[in-house]
Protein backbone atom coordinates (compact mmCIF):
# COMPACT_ATOMS: atom_id res chain seq x y z
CA MET A 1 -22.36 103.40 19.41
CA ALA A 2 -22.94 100.22 21.38
CA HIS A 3 -21.92 98.95 24.80
CA ILE A 4 -20.32 95.52 24.36
CA ALA A 5 -19.64 93.20 27.28
CA TRP A 6 -16.73 91.07 26.07
CA LEU A 7 -16.25 87.73 27.83
CA GLY A 8 -12.85 86.14 27.31
CA LYS A 9 -9.43 85.91 28.90
CA LYS A 10 -6.27 88.00 29.05
CA THR A 11 -3.85 85.23 30.03
CA PRO A 12 -2.13 82.87 29.38
CA PHE A 13 -0.99 84.04 25.96
CA CYS A 14 -2.71 82.34 23.01
CA GLY A 15 -4.56 83.28 19.84
CA ASN A 16 -7.78 83.75 21.81
CA VAL A 17 -6.10 86.38 24.01
CA THR A 18 -4.59 88.24 21.05
CA TYR A 19 -7.93 88.21 19.23
CA GLY A 20 -9.81 89.57 22.25
CA LEU A 21 -7.36 92.32 23.16
CA SER A 22 -6.94 93.58 19.59
CA THR A 23 -10.70 93.55 18.92
CA ILE A 24 -11.53 95.35 22.15
CA GLU A 25 -8.95 98.05 21.43
CA ALA A 26 -10.22 98.53 17.88
CA LEU A 27 -13.83 98.81 19.07
CA ARG A 28 -12.83 101.38 21.69
CA GLN A 29 -11.00 103.42 19.07
CA ARG A 30 -14.22 103.54 17.06
CA GLY A 31 -16.11 104.97 20.02
CA HIS A 32 -17.85 101.89 21.39
CA GLN A 33 -18.06 101.28 25.12
CA THR A 34 -16.55 97.96 26.10
CA SER A 35 -16.45 96.00 29.34
CA PHE A 36 -13.99 93.12 29.54
CA ILE A 37 -15.17 90.19 31.67
CA HIS A 38 -12.30 87.76 32.06
CA PHE A 39 -10.95 85.05 34.33
CA ASP A 40 -8.49 86.39 36.87
CA ASN A 41 -8.33 85.49 40.54
CA PRO A 42 -8.01 88.42 42.99
CA LYS A 43 -4.41 89.20 43.94
CA ASP A 44 -5.48 89.85 47.53
CA PRO A 45 -6.96 86.63 48.97
CA ARG A 46 -9.30 88.76 51.14
CA ASP A 47 -10.78 90.36 48.02
CA THR A 48 -13.22 87.67 46.88
CA LYS A 49 -15.84 89.84 45.19
CA THR A 50 -16.12 91.09 41.65
CA SER A 51 -15.73 94.85 41.37
CA LEU A 52 -19.12 96.54 41.62
CA LEU A 53 -18.03 100.02 40.55
CA ALA A 54 -20.56 101.34 38.05
CA ASN A 55 -17.88 102.65 35.70
CA ASP A 56 -15.43 99.74 35.99
CA PRO A 57 -14.83 98.40 32.45
CA ASP A 58 -12.96 95.35 33.74
CA VAL A 59 -14.60 92.47 35.61
CA SER A 60 -12.61 89.53 37.01
CA LEU A 61 -14.19 86.11 37.41
CA PRO A 62 -12.51 83.60 39.75
CA TYR A 63 -11.22 80.33 38.35
CA LEU A 64 -9.76 77.03 39.54
CA VAL A 65 -7.74 76.16 36.43
CA LYS A 66 -6.83 78.30 33.42
CA SER A 67 -4.72 77.17 30.49
CA GLN A 68 -4.24 78.08 26.85
CA VAL A 69 -6.82 75.45 25.93
CA TYR A 70 -9.56 75.48 28.57
CA THR A 71 -10.76 77.19 31.77
CA ILE A 72 -12.45 75.76 34.84
CA PRO A 73 -14.22 78.56 36.76
CA SER A 74 -14.65 78.68 40.52
CA PRO A 75 -18.07 77.69 41.89
CA GLY A 76 -19.06 81.34 42.39
CA ALA A 77 -18.10 82.50 38.89
CA GLN A 78 -21.53 81.86 37.38
CA ARG A 79 -23.25 84.02 39.99
CA GLU A 80 -20.67 86.77 39.63
CA LEU A 81 -21.08 86.75 35.85
CA LYS A 82 -24.84 87.19 36.19
CA GLU A 83 -24.46 90.03 38.71
CA SER A 84 -21.87 91.74 36.51
CA LEU A 85 -24.11 91.68 33.43
CA GLU A 86 -27.06 92.96 35.44
CA ARG A 87 -24.90 95.84 36.66
CA LEU A 88 -23.28 96.66 33.33
CA GLN A 89 -26.50 96.43 31.27
CA PRO A 90 -24.67 96.03 27.94
CA ASP A 91 -26.34 96.23 24.54
CA ILE A 92 -24.60 93.03 23.42
CA VAL A 93 -22.65 90.22 25.08
CA HIS A 94 -19.80 88.89 22.94
CA ALA A 95 -18.13 85.72 24.24
CA SER A 96 -14.77 84.77 22.81
CA LEU A 97 -15.32 81.21 23.99
CA THR A 98 -12.72 79.96 26.43
CA LEU A 99 -13.85 76.31 26.50
CA SER A 100 -15.34 76.54 29.96
CA PRO A 101 -18.65 75.45 31.54
CA LEU A 102 -19.82 79.08 31.47
CA ASP A 103 -20.03 78.84 27.67
CA PHE A 104 -23.05 76.54 28.07
CA PHE A 105 -24.71 78.75 30.69
CA LEU A 106 -24.53 81.99 28.69
CA PRO A 107 -27.47 81.46 26.26
CA GLU A 108 -29.96 80.96 29.09
CA LEU A 109 -28.54 83.89 31.07
CA CYS A 110 -28.63 86.33 28.15
CA GLN A 111 -32.14 85.22 27.25
CA GLN A 112 -33.23 86.04 30.81
CA LEU A 113 -31.56 89.45 30.57
CA GLY A 114 -32.92 90.13 27.08
CA VAL A 115 -29.44 90.80 25.66
CA PRO A 116 -28.25 89.51 22.24
CA LEU A 117 -25.46 86.97 22.56
CA VAL A 118 -22.58 86.55 20.10
CA ALA A 119 -19.90 83.85 20.23
CA THR A 120 -16.55 83.64 18.52
CA PHE A 121 -15.72 79.95 18.26
CA HIS A 122 -11.94 79.44 18.08
CA PRO A 123 -11.13 75.73 18.48
CA PRO A 124 -8.79 74.36 15.81
CA PHE A 125 -10.01 71.64 13.48
CA ASP A 126 -9.24 69.60 10.41
CA ALA A 127 -12.44 68.77 8.55
CA GLY A 128 -10.84 65.66 7.05
CA ILE A 129 -10.20 64.01 10.46
CA ARG A 130 -6.93 62.70 9.04
CA ASN A 131 -5.21 62.17 12.38
CA LEU A 132 -5.91 61.45 16.03
CA THR A 133 -5.60 65.11 17.03
CA ALA A 134 -8.19 66.12 14.45
CA GLY A 135 -10.54 63.40 15.68
CA THR A 136 -10.24 64.69 19.24
CA GLN A 137 -11.00 68.25 18.14
CA GLN A 138 -14.04 67.01 16.21
CA LEU A 139 -15.44 65.80 19.54
CA THR A 140 -15.14 69.37 20.85
CA TYR A 141 -17.25 70.60 17.93
CA GLN A 142 -19.85 67.89 18.53
CA LEU A 143 -19.99 68.78 22.23
CA TYR A 144 -20.42 72.51 21.59
CA ALA A 145 -22.82 72.43 18.63
CA PRO A 146 -26.08 72.15 20.65
CA ALA A 147 -25.07 75.13 22.82
CA LEU A 148 -23.88 77.20 19.86
CA ALA A 149 -27.26 76.65 18.20
CA ARG A 150 -28.76 78.76 21.04
CA TYR A 151 -26.44 81.75 20.49
CA ASP A 152 -27.86 84.60 18.41
CA ARG A 153 -24.75 84.62 16.20
CA VAL A 154 -21.67 82.41 16.05
CA ILE A 155 -18.56 83.91 14.42
CA VAL A 156 -16.23 81.46 12.71
CA PHE A 157 -13.11 82.17 10.70
CA SER A 158 -13.79 80.31 7.45
CA GLU A 159 -16.48 78.82 5.25
CA LEU A 160 -15.05 75.39 5.96
CA GLN A 161 -15.53 75.85 9.70
CA ALA A 162 -19.09 77.07 9.09
CA GLN A 163 -19.81 73.93 7.07
CA VAL A 164 -18.57 71.73 9.93
CA LEU A 165 -20.92 73.43 12.44
CA SER A 166 -23.80 73.46 9.97
CA ARG A 167 -23.52 69.69 9.58
CA LEU A 168 -23.64 69.43 13.38
CA GLY A 169 -26.97 71.29 13.58
CA VAL A 170 -26.10 74.99 13.93
CA ARG A 171 -28.41 76.88 11.55
CA GLU A 172 -26.65 78.70 8.73
CA GLN A 173 -28.55 81.91 9.58
CA ARG A 174 -26.79 82.00 12.95
CA LEU A 175 -23.30 81.54 11.49
CA ALA A 176 -21.17 84.52 10.44
CA VAL A 177 -17.83 84.04 8.68
CA ILE A 178 -15.53 86.85 9.86
CA PRO A 179 -11.85 85.94 9.42
CA ASN A 180 -9.14 87.08 11.80
CA GLY A 181 -7.42 90.29 10.83
CA VAL A 182 -4.09 91.98 11.52
CA ASP A 183 -2.89 95.57 11.31
CA PRO A 184 -0.76 95.78 8.13
CA GLU A 185 0.76 99.06 9.30
CA LEU A 186 2.14 97.28 12.35
CA TRP A 187 3.03 93.96 10.73
CA LYS A 188 4.84 95.08 7.59
CA PRO A 189 8.06 94.41 5.68
CA VAL A 190 11.27 96.19 6.51
CA GLY A 191 11.29 99.72 5.06
CA LEU A 192 14.17 100.75 2.83
CA HIS A 193 17.08 102.47 4.56
CA LYS A 194 15.32 102.42 7.94
CA THR A 195 17.32 101.51 11.02
CA ASN A 196 15.65 99.88 13.98
CA PRO A 197 17.54 99.15 17.23
CA THR A 198 15.22 96.24 18.10
CA ARG A 199 15.68 94.62 14.70
CA THR A 200 19.44 95.13 14.94
CA GLN A 201 19.40 93.35 18.30
CA VAL A 202 17.33 90.49 16.91
CA LYS A 203 19.54 90.11 13.84
CA ALA A 204 22.62 89.96 16.05
CA ARG A 205 21.24 86.90 17.83
CA LEU A 206 19.99 85.27 14.63
CA GLY A 207 23.32 85.58 12.86
CA THR A 208 23.98 85.98 9.16
CA LYS A 209 22.34 82.81 7.86
CA ARG A 210 18.99 82.71 6.04
CA ILE A 211 16.20 82.24 8.57
CA PHE A 212 13.40 79.67 8.46
CA LEU A 213 11.00 80.40 11.33
CA TYR A 214 8.30 78.70 13.39
CA MET A 215 6.39 80.88 15.86
CA GLY A 216 3.66 79.48 18.10
CA ARG A 217 2.91 76.98 20.84
CA ILE A 218 5.18 73.97 21.23
CA ALA A 219 2.36 71.45 21.55
CA ALA A 220 1.33 68.18 19.90
CA GLU A 221 -1.28 69.75 17.60
CA LYS A 222 1.32 72.15 16.16
CA ASN A 223 3.39 69.20 14.87
CA VAL A 224 6.73 70.97 15.37
CA GLU A 225 8.42 67.57 15.66
CA ALA A 226 7.67 66.89 11.97
CA LEU A 227 9.39 70.14 11.01
CA LEU A 228 12.43 69.30 13.14
CA ARG A 229 12.71 65.81 11.61
CA ALA A 230 12.62 67.25 8.09
CA TRP A 231 15.18 69.91 8.96
CA LYS A 232 17.62 67.36 10.36
CA LEU A 233 17.20 65.14 7.29
CA VAL A 234 17.89 68.02 4.89
CA SER A 235 20.35 70.13 6.96
CA PRO A 236 20.22 73.02 4.46
CA SER A 237 23.60 74.74 4.43
CA GLY A 238 23.63 78.47 5.06
CA CYS A 239 20.20 78.33 6.74
CA ARG A 240 19.01 78.36 10.34
CA LEU A 241 15.73 77.09 11.79
CA VAL A 242 14.47 79.34 14.60
CA ILE A 243 11.76 78.05 16.95
CA VAL A 244 9.93 80.84 18.79
CA GLY A 245 7.45 79.85 21.49
CA ASP A 246 6.78 77.77 24.56
CA GLY A 247 4.57 74.83 25.45
CA PRO A 248 4.36 71.36 26.99
CA LEU A 249 6.61 69.67 24.39
CA LEU A 250 9.41 72.23 24.57
CA PRO A 251 11.66 70.37 27.06
CA THR A 252 11.42 67.09 25.13
CA LEU A 253 11.99 68.58 21.68
CA GLN A 254 14.77 70.82 22.94
CA TYR A 255 16.53 67.83 24.53
CA THR A 256 16.35 65.73 21.37
CA ASN A 257 17.24 68.68 19.12
CA PRO A 258 19.96 70.62 20.97
CA GLU A 259 20.74 74.29 20.38
CA ASN A 260 22.84 74.84 17.24
CA ASP A 261 22.54 71.15 16.28
CA ASN A 262 21.82 71.25 12.51
CA ASP A 263 21.59 75.04 12.88
CA ILE A 264 18.52 75.00 15.11
CA LEU A 265 18.01 77.99 17.43
CA TRP A 266 15.53 77.76 20.31
CA TRP A 267 14.48 81.37 20.82
CA GLY A 268 11.94 80.69 23.56
CA TYR A 269 8.71 82.57 24.27
CA GLU A 270 8.80 86.16 23.05
CA SER A 271 6.41 88.65 24.67
CA ASN A 272 7.93 91.82 23.22
CA LEU A 273 5.84 92.97 20.25
CA GLU A 274 8.69 94.80 18.51
CA LYS A 275 10.92 91.73 18.73
CA LYS A 276 8.15 89.50 17.33
CA ILE A 277 7.74 91.85 14.38
CA ALA A 278 11.53 91.96 13.89
CA LEU A 279 11.76 88.15 13.96
CA LEU A 280 9.21 87.86 11.15
CA GLN A 281 10.88 90.66 9.20
CA CYS A 282 14.23 88.85 9.46
CA ALA A 283 12.78 85.50 8.43
CA GLU A 284 12.77 84.41 4.81
CA VAL A 285 10.32 81.52 5.30
CA PHE A 286 7.64 80.93 7.94
CA VAL A 287 6.59 77.30 8.46
CA LEU A 288 3.40 76.17 10.24
CA PRO A 289 3.13 72.34 10.23
CA SER A 290 -0.06 72.06 12.34
CA LEU A 291 -2.29 68.99 12.47
CA VAL A 292 -5.28 71.16 13.42
CA GLU A 293 -5.84 74.92 13.27
CA GLY A 294 -8.47 77.62 13.43
CA LEU A 295 -7.07 80.57 11.52
CA SER A 296 -3.55 81.22 12.74
CA LEU A 297 -2.82 84.82 13.71
CA ALA A 298 0.89 84.03 13.55
CA LEU A 299 0.42 82.99 9.93
CA LEU A 300 -1.40 86.24 9.08
CA GLU A 301 1.28 88.27 10.86
CA ALA A 302 4.01 86.49 8.89
CA MET A 303 2.13 87.08 5.64
CA ALA A 304 1.67 90.78 6.46
CA THR A 305 5.42 91.19 7.02
CA GLY A 306 6.10 89.81 3.55
CA THR A 307 7.53 86.47 4.69
CA ALA A 308 7.11 83.46 2.42
CA CYS A 309 4.69 81.09 4.16
CA VAL A 310 4.34 77.32 4.23
CA ALA A 311 1.41 75.84 6.17
CA THR A 312 -0.76 72.75 6.23
CA ASP A 313 -4.34 72.77 5.04
CA ALA A 314 -5.64 72.29 8.59
CA GLY A 315 -8.45 74.62 9.61
CA ALA A 316 -8.59 77.77 7.48
CA ASP A 317 -4.85 78.10 6.87
CA GLY A 318 -4.95 76.35 3.52
CA GLU A 319 -7.83 78.60 2.45
CA VAL A 320 -5.75 81.67 3.35
CA LEU A 321 -2.74 80.58 1.27
CA LYS A 322 -4.50 79.03 -1.73
CA ASP A 323 -4.13 80.36 -5.27
CA GLY A 324 -0.50 81.34 -4.90
CA ALA A 325 -0.32 83.28 -1.62
CA GLY A 326 1.86 80.55 -0.10
CA ILE A 327 2.64 76.85 -0.17
CA VAL A 328 0.01 74.48 1.25
CA LEU A 329 0.89 71.07 2.65
CA SER A 330 -1.35 68.16 3.60
CA THR A 331 -1.52 67.37 7.30
CA GLN A 332 -0.53 63.82 6.36
CA GLY A 333 3.16 63.16 5.80
CA VAL A 334 4.38 66.63 6.75
CA THR A 335 7.97 65.49 7.25
CA THR A 336 8.13 63.89 3.80
CA GLN A 337 6.68 66.96 2.11
CA LEU A 338 9.04 69.34 3.92
CA ARG A 339 12.01 67.11 3.13
CA THR A 340 11.25 67.72 -0.55
CA LEU A 341 10.31 71.37 -0.19
CA LEU A 342 13.08 72.76 2.04
CA PRO A 343 15.87 72.28 -0.54
CA VAL A 344 13.73 74.02 -3.17
CA LEU A 345 13.14 77.01 -0.90
CA LYS A 346 16.84 77.11 -0.06
CA GLU A 347 17.88 77.15 -3.72
CA GLN A 348 15.21 79.58 -4.91
CA PRO A 349 15.43 82.94 -3.05
CA ILE A 350 13.57 84.59 -5.94
CA LEU A 351 10.67 82.21 -5.27
CA THR A 352 10.58 83.02 -1.56
CA SER A 353 10.70 86.73 -2.32
CA GLU A 354 7.74 86.46 -4.70
CA LEU A 355 5.76 84.34 -2.22
CA GLY A 356 6.35 86.98 0.45
CA LYS A 357 4.98 89.70 -1.82
CA ARG A 358 1.91 87.63 -2.66
CA ALA A 359 1.32 86.86 1.02
CA ARG A 360 1.36 90.56 1.89
CA CYS A 361 -1.09 91.32 -0.93
CA ARG A 362 -3.46 88.57 0.28
CA VAL A 363 -3.58 90.08 3.76
CA LEU A 364 -4.28 93.55 2.37
CA GLU A 365 -7.10 92.13 0.24
CA ARG A 366 -8.88 89.99 2.83
CA TYR A 367 -7.37 89.82 6.30
CA THR A 368 -6.94 93.30 7.77
CA LEU A 369 -8.16 94.21 11.23
CA THR A 370 -10.18 97.05 9.69
CA ARG A 371 -12.19 94.61 7.55
CA ASN A 372 -12.73 92.42 10.62
CA ILE A 373 -14.10 95.27 12.74
CA ASP A 374 -16.25 96.58 9.87
CA ALA A 375 -17.92 93.17 9.61
CA LEU A 376 -18.32 92.99 13.39
CA GLU A 377 -20.09 96.36 13.46
CA VAL A 378 -22.48 95.21 10.72
CA LEU A 379 -23.26 92.08 12.76
CA TYR A 380 -23.89 94.09 15.94
CA GLY A 381 -26.12 96.52 14.05
CA ASP A 382 -28.14 93.64 12.62
CA LEU A 383 -28.75 92.16 16.07
CA LEU A 384 -29.74 95.52 17.50
CA GLY A 385 -31.99 96.33 14.56
CA VAL A 386 -30.12 99.50 13.61
CA GLU A 387 -27.86 100.64 10.80
CA PRO A 388 -24.28 99.28 10.90
CA LEU A 389 -22.54 100.74 13.93
CA ALA A 390 -19.69 102.36 12.01
CA ALA A 391 -18.06 105.35 13.63
């Protein structure tokens, strides 16, 4: 068993947070020791020091700004990170990169400490650079590539993402493709004849219409506006579009697309896990119209619950759905494509049912959390020069 110092964040909610928390829990269940180093200012303003308890698995680093996209640490965070790693003496440091200046400092620090350093590189992308958002994200990759080349291993979610970094100078030997994974026993279709009070509550709010669902951030790169435009143009009778999530564009989009206008329901941010599962179980179609992506956990969760999935080919999402596991759109002209597709999905419930079954099978074949952790243990064992660290 290994001692892993995991550097990431616990808030605000985003895919990075979900990935870190689920991976840490899975590693602990397999017997590994984990220490979570994350950005979190002390609640007591007089408490300005990182915890120095020898058995404390949680270390808080102070920050000035923390968002879903990036983190700006406080001036003393770099020193506290160094002192924490010296105290913890982990076998491996694994950084789920938070797009902060500390990401560039870590290779030198771990080299000084003689500890292998692993990165998981999350930023969304679209290799085709077919829009302004994709071009901006490409700059992030160009900025990070020289630093990533100094990490012992860099985990990415798809072959396409590995190719992007390889072209930017990160050696292929340092890149490891380990896709996101979900627990298919948690995210699963509704069981026959099973009653669930949470699902009953969710269904009561959704109503009796067929549900088309978006779940994620309400931000420019998610392109929710294109979905809303297509929905208003089609106005499929007997169907309701449910938008689950929060983000900077929520007030604007909500104002221009009022509640119940064209059967649109603004659910808001949902933190309750059981309700999130119930929402996906109640949905017939999940739509992800992103301009850029990494590998969407929301997409994998929807697939695991047996929901028919429609997503753009941004990031790795198209790779996940190809060969019949879902419907793949181009990031260009999303509104036009959805305007054609939505009526087909409305008129063909047999099609959506079959797509949901195929989506579930794809997750079971390639995208389970167990497969993800197995691959992670092999990677750790390789760096430590031992057999794979399976429990």
